[in-house]
Amino acid sequence: MTGTQDILFERRGAAGIVTLNRPKALNAITHEMVRALAAKLDEWARDAAVTRVVVTSNSERAFSAGGDIRALYELTKAGRQQEALTFFKEEYRLNTAIKRYPKPYLSLIDGIVMGGGVGISIHGSHRVAGDRYAFAMPEVSIGFFPDVGGTYALPRLAGEIGTYCALTGERLKAADAVLSGAATHYVKSHRFADLQTALCGGDPVNAVLSDFMERPGEGDVTPRRRTIDRIFSQISVEAILSALDQEAGTGSDQAGWSADLAQTIRSKSPTSLKLSLAQMRYGRHHSFEDCLRTEFRIVSRIVYGHDMAEGVRAVIVDKDNNPRWNPKDLDAVSDTMIERYFAPLPDAELELS
């Protein structure tokens, strides 16, 4: 095996195997891991002996719980925002390399996959969900936004499930992930080791997967698709909350669920909520590259703002879960404020080779 302590690489038969190896941190993605993975993918793309890449985790709890948010928080608190932006720049370029990868790129996900972990999996050709799979983009809880290509990927999930995920941070389990498009296949957890072994052989990837995949079942979120599509297609965050409040007052089967969702959304950063909804609407009609460049515009401004530092402090550092957002109310976040995050950068835009 080669690589760094936190990410391991191995050629096994026809497969290049990537193992995320930071279990105590739930495989949070560091700058070093981004650089190592980008370099190895480039090498394997040019190696005719490697016909597919398989990304795995050594943790029973997580594929990857996201980026190393605490490290980025420390950089911004120290006034080193440009160093943080170098991380985001290279991470977004890695996401692009995965999206464009010329060989099958498979992620075997049997645990939590969030944030940066989504970025190194969802853009690949195959995402295999196990029994413990749990997908989420919970960035609005820390005053951030669903980046790493979320602007492109989330609006392309079934109906408005991507918008639902972006604004609530709620999790999708394996069945809902497959039915919505976040995952491509469901394989029972106890068969993952055999699947990985089979993928190292010379048989076509899709043929191997067809021997292991099973029907995922109905799911918890998918049966609510009609309600989710109706509510989360509203024009604004305020309108979405109003629709949830109305549903909560009907006494229907969805009333309690709607009330809980409304309460969840109201706890998030108002700026992040409006940014995220604007992302979902933008991403639906723009290319992957345009979405990544837009995300870099947003992050280039958000790292200098208040809510990201405050959200990370409240949720991850001090863990008091009492963030003091600024602005604290949705009506104080104007469309003009949100448009500024999307505006071209005065210096260089993100370059995607």
Foldseek 3Di string as FASTA:
>chain_A
DDADQQWDWDQFAQEIEIEGHDQVQLSAAELRNLVRVQVVLVVLLPDPSHQEYEYEYPYQAHSHQAHPLVVLLVCLVVVNNVVSLVSLLSLLLSLVCQLVRPHAYEYETEHEQEHSSLLNHQSGPAYEYEQHYKYAHQQLLQVAFRASLLLQPLLQWPANVSLLRGLQRHIFHDLSCCNRVSGVFYFYPVCVVVLVVVVSHDDDNVVSRVVGGDRDDDGDCNVCRVVSNVLSVDDFPVSSLVSLCVCLPPPDPCNVVSVVRSVSSLLGALLRSRLHSVSSVVNVPDDSVLSNLQSSLLSSPSSNDDRNSQSCCCCPNVVVSRGDHVVNDNVVCDPVNSVNSRDDDPDDTRDHD
